[in-house]
């Protein structure tokens, strides 16, 4: 077992962030713990541009440096540019959350004297303090996987839940959005996220989402909000045109604006994807439909989350596309999801419990 680096002289820390919305939210407890461990240090996050809004109002990060997912020659040029910037800033330590070899390149090229991360994918030689990935750790929840790195540095106690801080500007924007959509405080807002960036294997059939939406709209009090990223715009627009009434849509919005919209919702019904973790981090009740992915490692964190899943011999396959008949999702009926939704938050509808 290697010894952790001494923290007494650490004044500037570079944190290499992960690349997906949900994964980024699952690093928040670890970044919070790092701030508690080094309350006077400058903490800088290296992350992709679309993820920056998640840290807009956080008290744990002082600065953000942009990186991209560029490939080829542009990738080499970016690594050289980032290394020059990091070297000039004089960081004492780099904490590297991702497992990829590329994630450690910038701090290694920049000569950051203390580089902490997992010895994954043959990159241990580029780290000064590398932790081995045990089978138990790889099968743990991703939030615990990240938190283990900060525990190695000296963090004590139980990992917290992910938290997002919504600012006044986002709250005002959300209020204006709902007002323009004709949605008031008298309505029960139910958000639906029908897509997934990772691939269709994660997705409950859109036809069933539409059936479910029509049933939920049978109560005059309910309003629907369709959410998702720009890459799922076609799917959301298809649902929107199929439903036509009492439905709003928020596609490709700034992530903290989306979080502010979700915070006002009575419920989010979603596949395993980024907005699921956004909702959990602002304590919105949610119903998550899992198929190809593993809820042990990526389930939403918090007491207001509920899962629907049908275990199959082939699950979790972790594939982008199902090579068979998508049986893990086909086995989940509209009746089951509607009943679970109404039971979870006592929505108005035919399955709502009697008072």
Protein backbone atom coordinates (compact mmCIF):
# COMPACT_ATOMS: atom_id res chain seq x y z
CA UNK A 1 0.00 0.00 0.00
CA UNK A 2 1.47 3.33 -1.03
CA UNK A 3 1.44 6.26 1.37
CA UNK A 4 -0.74 9.28 0.54
CA UNK A 5 1.05 12.49 -0.41
CA UNK A 6 1.60 15.10 2.34
CA UNK A 7 -1.00 17.85 2.06
CA UNK A 8 0.57 20.49 4.30
CA UNK A 9 2.23 22.32 1.41
CA UNK A 10 -0.56 21.86 -1.16
CA UNK A 11 -1.86 25.27 -2.20
CA UNK A 12 -3.13 24.61 -5.73
CA UNK A 13 -4.96 21.50 -6.91
CA UNK A 14 -5.94 20.54 -10.45
CA UNK A 15 -8.93 18.18 -10.69
CA UNK A 16 -9.35 16.34 -13.99
CA UNK A 17 -13.09 15.96 -14.42
CA UNK A 18 -15.00 13.18 -16.17
CA UNK A 19 -16.73 13.53 -19.53
CA UNK A 20 -20.44 12.80 -19.03
CA UNK A 21 -23.20 14.69 -17.23
CA UNK A 22 -24.21 11.89 -14.89
CA UNK A 23 -20.62 10.91 -14.09
CA UNK A 24 -19.77 14.55 -13.36
CA UNK A 25 -22.63 14.83 -10.88
CA UNK A 26 -21.41 11.65 -9.20
CA UNK A 27 -18.00 13.29 -8.64
CA UNK A 28 -19.57 16.18 -6.69
CA UNK A 29 -19.39 14.46 -3.27
CA UNK A 30 -15.69 13.82 -3.86
CA UNK A 31 -15.00 17.42 -4.86
CA UNK A 32 -16.90 18.59 -1.79
CA UNK A 33 -14.78 16.27 0.37
CA UNK A 34 -11.61 17.58 -1.30
CA UNK A 35 -12.63 21.15 -0.43
CA UNK A 36 -13.23 20.12 3.18
CA UNK A 37 -9.82 18.43 3.22
CA UNK A 38 -8.05 21.48 1.74
CA UNK A 39 -10.20 24.47 2.75
CA UNK A 40 -7.58 27.10 1.83
CA UNK A 41 -6.29 25.59 -1.40
CA UNK A 42 -7.18 26.85 -4.86
CA UNK A 43 -9.11 24.08 -6.61
CA UNK A 44 -9.21 24.21 -10.41
CA UNK A 45 -11.34 21.88 -12.50
CA UNK A 46 -10.29 20.73 -15.98
CA UNK A 47 -13.51 19.80 -17.80
CA UNK A 48 -15.35 19.94 -21.12
CA UNK A 49 -17.28 23.14 -21.91
CA UNK A 50 -20.83 21.67 -21.77
CA UNK A 51 -20.23 20.55 -18.17
CA UNK A 52 -19.10 23.93 -16.83
CA UNK A 53 -22.59 25.10 -15.81
CA UNK A 54 -22.76 22.30 -13.22
CA UNK A 55 -20.10 24.17 -11.22
CA UNK A 56 -21.44 27.68 -11.77
CA UNK A 57 -22.76 28.13 -8.24
CA UNK A 58 -20.72 25.56 -6.34
CA UNK A 59 -18.60 26.69 -3.37
CA UNK A 60 -16.04 23.93 -3.96
CA UNK A 61 -14.32 25.00 -7.21
CA UNK A 62 -12.43 28.27 -7.73
CA UNK A 63 -11.64 28.07 -11.44
CA UNK A 64 -12.48 25.99 -14.51
CA UNK A 65 -10.19 25.23 -17.45
CA UNK A 66 -11.76 24.06 -20.72
CA UNK A 67 -10.82 20.94 -22.60
CA UNK A 68 -12.47 19.23 -25.57
CA UNK A 69 -12.93 15.73 -26.88
CA UNK A 70 -10.95 16.50 -30.05
CA UNK A 71 -9.10 13.68 -31.78
CA UNK A 72 -6.15 13.32 -34.13
CA UNK A 73 -3.67 16.18 -34.49
CA UNK A 74 -6.03 18.57 -32.71
CA UNK A 75 -5.86 16.32 -29.67
CA UNK A 76 -2.07 16.60 -29.54
CA UNK A 77 -2.24 20.36 -30.00
CA UNK A 78 -4.74 20.68 -27.17
CA UNK A 79 -2.66 18.57 -24.79
CA UNK A 80 0.37 20.75 -25.50
CA UNK A 81 -1.65 23.94 -24.93
CA UNK A 82 -3.17 22.66 -21.69
CA UNK A 83 0.21 21.43 -20.44
CA UNK A 84 1.73 24.88 -20.98
CA UNK A 85 -1.11 26.53 -19.07
CA UNK A 86 -1.00 24.05 -16.20
CA UNK A 87 2.81 24.26 -15.95
CA UNK A 88 2.64 28.03 -15.80
CA UNK A 89 0.02 27.96 -13.03
CA UNK A 90 2.25 25.91 -10.73
CA UNK A 91 -0.14 23.27 -9.39
CA UNK A 92 1.09 21.20 -6.45
CA UNK A 93 -1.21 18.24 -7.03
CA UNK A 94 -3.48 16.77 -9.68
CA UNK A 95 -6.43 14.52 -8.80
CA UNK A 96 -7.51 12.52 -11.83
CA UNK A 97 -11.01 11.01 -11.78
CA UNK A 98 -11.25 9.41 -15.28
CA UNK A 99 -9.64 6.03 -16.03
CA UNK A 100 -8.37 6.88 -19.51
CA UNK A 101 -4.66 7.31 -20.35
CA UNK A 102 -5.45 10.67 -21.95
CA UNK A 103 -6.79 12.05 -18.65
CA UNK A 104 -3.35 11.91 -17.04
CA UNK A 105 -1.43 13.37 -19.99
CA UNK A 106 -1.90 17.06 -19.18
CA UNK A 107 -0.65 16.92 -15.56
CA UNK A 108 2.18 14.57 -16.58
CA UNK A 109 3.34 16.77 -19.47
CA UNK A 110 3.03 19.82 -17.20
CA UNK A 111 5.23 18.22 -14.57
CA UNK A 112 2.73 18.49 -11.70
CA UNK A 113 4.79 16.98 -8.89
CA UNK A 114 1.99 14.93 -7.29
CA UNK A 115 -0.41 13.06 -9.61
CA UNK A 116 -3.08 10.91 -7.97
CA UNK A 117 -5.38 8.48 -9.78
CA UNK A 118 -6.17 4.86 -10.54
CA UNK A 119 -3.54 2.64 -12.19
CA UNK A 120 -5.99 1.75 -14.97
CA UNK A 121 -5.29 0.97 -18.63
CA UNK A 122 -1.53 0.84 -18.21
CA UNK A 123 -1.15 4.49 -17.18
CA UNK A 124 0.22 3.88 -13.66
CA UNK A 125 3.72 4.87 -14.77
CA UNK A 126 2.47 8.42 -15.40
CA UNK A 127 1.15 8.78 -11.85
CA UNK A 128 3.15 9.46 -8.71
CA UNK A 129 0.45 7.95 -6.48
CA UNK A 130 -1.53 5.23 -8.25
CA UNK A 131 -4.29 3.19 -6.63
CA UNK A 132 -5.11 -0.32 -7.76
CA UNK A 133 -8.63 -1.10 -8.92
CA UNK A 134 -9.96 -4.03 -6.95
CA UNK A 135 -12.88 -6.10 -8.23
CA UNK A 136 -14.94 -4.84 -5.29
CA UNK A 137 -14.18 -1.22 -6.20
CA UNK A 138 -15.06 -1.70 -9.87
CA UNK A 139 -18.40 -3.19 -8.84
CA UNK A 140 -19.19 -0.35 -6.42
CA UNK A 141 -21.31 2.69 -7.20
CA UNK A 142 -19.41 5.19 -9.34
CA UNK A 143 -19.75 7.87 -6.65
CA UNK A 144 -17.92 5.55 -4.25
CA UNK A 145 -15.29 4.76 -6.89
CA UNK A 146 -14.45 8.47 -7.15
CA UNK A 147 -14.69 9.03 -3.40
CA UNK A 148 -12.07 6.35 -2.74
CA UNK A 149 -9.45 8.64 -4.31
CA UNK A 150 -10.25 11.42 -1.83
CA UNK A 151 -10.31 8.92 1.03
CA UNK A 152 -6.79 7.97 0.02
CA UNK A 153 -5.81 11.63 0.43
CA UNK A 154 -7.29 11.67 3.94
CA UNK A 155 -11.04 12.29 3.70
CA UNK A 156 -12.99 10.75 6.57
CA UNK A 157 -16.62 9.93 7.12
CA UNK A 158 -19.46 8.86 4.88
CA UNK A 159 -19.72 10.17 1.34
CA UNK A 160 -22.38 12.85 0.95
CA UNK A 161 -25.10 12.87 -1.70
CA UNK A 162 -24.53 14.90 -4.89
CA UNK A 163 -25.85 18.45 -4.55
CA UNK A 164 -26.38 21.15 -7.17
CA UNK A 165 -26.77 24.79 -6.24
CA UNK A 166 -29.32 26.65 -8.34
CA UNK A 167 -28.79 30.40 -8.52
CA UNK A 168 -31.30 33.22 -8.63
CA UNK A 169 -30.77 33.69 -12.37
CA UNK A 170 -31.67 30.06 -13.10
CA UNK A 171 -34.71 30.21 -10.82
CA UNK A 172 -35.97 33.37 -12.55
CA UNK A 173 -35.41 31.79 -15.97
CA UNK A 174 -37.36 28.67 -14.97
CA UNK A 175 -40.23 30.80 -13.70
CA UNK A 176 -40.35 32.69 -16.99
CA UNK A 177 -40.20 29.43 -18.96
CA UNK A 178 -43.17 27.94 -17.14
CA UNK A 179 -45.14 31.18 -17.32
CA UNK A 180 -44.64 31.32 -21.10
CA UNK A 181 -45.80 27.69 -21.32
CA UNK A 182 -48.98 28.45 -19.37
CA UNK A 183 -47.90 26.34 -16.39
CA UNK A 184 -48.57 27.68 -12.90
CA UNK A 185 -48.10 26.57 -9.31
CA UNK A 186 -51.54 24.94 -9.42
CA UNK A 187 -50.32 22.33 -11.88
CA UNK A 188 -48.46 19.09 -11.20
CA UNK A 189 -45.48 19.13 -13.57
CA UNK A 190 -44.29 15.71 -14.71
CA UNK A 191 -41.04 15.64 -16.67
CA UNK A 192 -40.24 12.87 -19.15
CA UNK A 193 -36.78 12.17 -20.54
CA UNK A 194 -37.26 9.62 -23.37
CA UNK A 195 -33.75 9.54 -24.86
CA UNK A 196 -30.15 8.74 -24.04
CA UNK A 197 -26.84 10.02 -25.37
CA UNK A 198 -25.13 6.65 -24.91
CA UNK A 199 -27.44 4.71 -27.24
CA UNK A 200 -30.89 3.15 -27.79
CA UNK A 201 -30.24 0.11 -25.59
CA UNK A 202 -30.85 2.35 -22.57
CA UNK A 203 -34.20 3.56 -23.85
CA UNK A 204 -37.71 2.41 -23.02
CA UNK A 205 -39.70 2.42 -26.32
CA UNK A 206 -40.89 5.90 -27.29
CA UNK A 207 -44.34 4.55 -28.21
CA UNK A 208 -44.77 3.51 -24.59
CA UNK A 209 -43.62 6.90 -23.35
CA UNK A 210 -46.31 8.44 -25.54
CA UNK A 211 -48.96 6.06 -24.18
CA UNK A 212 -47.88 6.87 -20.65
CA UNK A 213 -47.93 10.61 -21.34
CA UNK A 214 -51.49 10.44 -22.70
CA UNK A 215 -52.64 8.63 -19.59
CA UNK A 216 -50.95 11.15 -17.29
CA UNK A 217 -52.62 13.96 -19.22
CA UNK A 218 -56.03 12.45 -18.48
CA UNK A 219 -55.92 14.51 -15.29
CA UNK A 220 -56.54 18.20 -16.01
CA UNK A 221 -54.13 19.14 -13.21
CA UNK A 222 -51.11 17.46 -14.80
CA UNK A 223 -48.71 19.16 -17.20
CA UNK A 224 -45.82 17.49 -19.03
CA UNK A 225 -42.29 18.70 -19.62
CA UNK A 226 -40.22 16.82 -22.22
CA UNK A 227 -36.48 17.15 -21.62
CA UNK A 228 -33.25 16.01 -23.22
CA UNK A 229 -30.09 17.04 -25.01
CA UNK A 230 -29.81 18.39 -28.55
CA UNK A 231 -28.83 14.92 -29.78
CA UNK A 232 -32.29 13.69 -28.77
CA UNK A 233 -34.21 16.66 -30.23
CA UNK A 234 -35.84 14.51 -32.96
CA UNK A 235 -37.21 12.12 -30.35
CA UNK A 236 -38.55 14.88 -28.11
CA UNK A 237 -40.10 16.74 -31.03
CA UNK A 238 -41.79 13.53 -32.19
CA UNK A 239 -43.33 13.08 -28.74
CA UNK A 240 -44.31 16.74 -28.58
CA UNK A 241 -46.12 16.62 -31.92
CA UNK A 242 -47.82 13.36 -30.95
CA UNK A 243 -49.23 14.83 -27.74
CA UNK A 244 -50.02 18.42 -28.81
CA UNK A 245 -51.62 19.65 -25.57
CA UNK A 246 -50.50 20.69 -22.11
CA UNK A 247 -46.92 19.82 -23.00
CA UNK A 248 -43.75 21.94 -22.87
CA UNK A 249 -40.30 20.95 -24.09
CA UNK A 250 -36.77 21.90 -23.03
CA UNK A 251 -34.17 20.64 -25.49
CA UNK A 252 -30.42 21.27 -25.23
CA UNK A 253 -30.74 23.78 -22.40
CA UNK A 254 -27.92 25.02 -20.20
CA UNK A 255 -27.60 22.28 -17.56
CA UNK A 256 -28.32 24.47 -14.56
CA UNK A 257 -31.38 25.93 -16.27
CA UNK A 258 -32.56 22.38 -16.84
CA UNK A 259 -31.88 21.60 -13.17
CA UNK A 260 -34.02 24.60 -12.19
CA UNK A 261 -36.86 23.31 -14.38
CA UNK A 262 -36.59 19.83 -12.89
CA UNK A 263 -36.52 21.16 -9.34
CA UNK A 264 -40.08 22.42 -9.81
CA UNK A 265 -41.35 19.09 -11.13
CA UNK A 266 -43.52 16.73 -9.15
CA UNK A 267 -41.78 13.80 -10.84
CA UNK A 268 -39.25 12.90 -13.54
CA UNK A 269 -39.73 9.66 -15.50
CA UNK A 270 -36.49 8.83 -17.27
CA UNK A 271 -34.06 6.38 -18.75
CA UNK A 272 -30.62 6.00 -17.15
CA UNK A 273 -29.05 9.21 -18.40
CA UNK A 274 -27.81 12.68 -17.39
CA UNK A 275 -31.11 14.38 -16.46
CA UNK A 276 -31.78 11.49 -14.07
CA UNK A 277 -28.78 12.52 -11.98
CA UNK A 278 -29.62 16.22 -12.36
CA UNK A 279 -33.05 15.59 -10.84
CA UNK A 280 -31.63 13.53 -7.99
CA UNK A 281 -29.13 16.29 -7.18
CA UNK A 282 -31.95 18.85 -6.75
CA UNK A 283 -34.10 16.36 -4.81
CA UNK A 284 -36.82 15.93 -7.43
CA UNK A 285 -38.69 12.62 -7.09
CA UNK A 286 -37.83 10.39 -10.02
CA UNK A 287 -38.69 7.07 -11.56
CA UNK A 288 -35.75 5.58 -13.47
CA UNK A 289 -36.25 2.83 -16.05
CA UNK A 290 -33.14 0.64 -16.28
CA UNK A 291 -32.35 -1.88 -19.01
CA UNK A 292 -28.85 -2.40 -20.39
CA UNK A 293 -27.01 -0.59 -17.59
CA UNK A 294 -26.19 -1.62 -14.04
CA UNK A 295 -28.13 0.14 -11.25
CA UNK A 296 -25.52 -1.03 -8.74
CA UNK A 297 -22.97 1.33 -10.29
CA UNK A 298 -25.04 4.12 -11.88
CA UNK A 299 -28.36 4.38 -10.02
CA UNK A 300 -29.51 7.87 -8.95
CA UNK A 301 -28.53 8.70 -5.39
CA UNK A 302 -31.08 9.87 -2.90
CA UNK A 303 -34.20 8.70 -1.06
CA UNK A 304 -36.62 10.17 -3.63
CA UNK A 305 -35.52 7.86 -6.44
CA UNK A 306 -37.21 4.63 -7.49
CA UNK A 307 -36.11 2.12 -10.13
CA UNK A 308 -38.03 -0.09 -12.54
CA UNK A 309 -36.00 -2.94 -13.96
CA UNK A 310 -36.54 -6.44 -15.32
CA UNK A 311 -33.50 -8.61 -14.79
CA UNK A 312 -32.63 -10.81 -17.77
CA UNK A 313 -29.94 -13.44 -18.29
CA UNK A 314 -28.07 -10.98 -20.53
CA UNK A 315 -28.32 -7.95 -18.25
CA UNK A 316 -26.59 -5.70 -17.59
CA UNK A 317 -24.99 -5.96 -21.04
CA UNK A 318 -23.73 -2.31 -21.10
CA UNK A 319 -24.14 -2.23 -24.89
CA UNK A 320 -25.16 0.82 -26.92
CA UNK A 321 -27.50 -1.27 -29.08
CA UNK A 322 -29.27 -4.45 -28.09
CA UNK A 323 -28.07 -7.35 -30.31
CA UNK A 324 -31.25 -9.34 -29.58
CA UNK A 325 -34.86 -8.33 -28.91
CA UNK A 326 -34.42 -5.59 -26.27
CA UNK A 327 -36.28 -7.86 -23.86
CA UNK A 328 -35.18 -5.97 -20.73
CA UNK A 329 -37.15 -2.92 -21.89
CA UNK A 330 -39.93 -4.71 -23.77
CA UNK A 331 -40.86 -6.50 -20.54
CA UNK A 332 -41.72 -3.20 -18.81
CA UNK A 333 -45.35 -2.28 -19.49
CA UNK A 334 -47.05 1.11 -19.57
CA UNK A 335 -49.38 -0.08 -16.79
CA UNK A 336 -46.43 -0.86 -14.55
CA UNK A 337 -44.72 2.49 -15.06
CA UNK A 338 -47.96 4.44 -14.66
CA UNK A 339 -48.80 2.62 -11.43
CA UNK A 340 -45.30 3.13 -10.05
CA UNK A 341 -45.33 6.83 -10.96
CA UNK A 342 -48.68 7.48 -9.30
CA UNK A 343 -47.75 5.45 -6.25
CA UNK A 344 -44.35 7.14 -5.92
CA UNK A 345 -45.71 10.69 -5.70
CA UNK A 346 -49.51 10.21 -5.48
CA UNK A 347 -50.20 11.78 -8.87
CA UNK A 348 -53.70 12.39 -10.15
CA UNK A 349 -54.70 9.54 -12.47
CA UNK A 350 -56.47 6.24 -12.68
CA UNK A 351 -53.75 4.49 -10.65
CA UNK A 352 -53.54 7.15 -7.95
CA UNK A 353 -54.20 5.77 -4.45
CA UNK A 354 -57.53 6.69 -2.95
CA UNK A 355 -57.54 9.22 -0.16
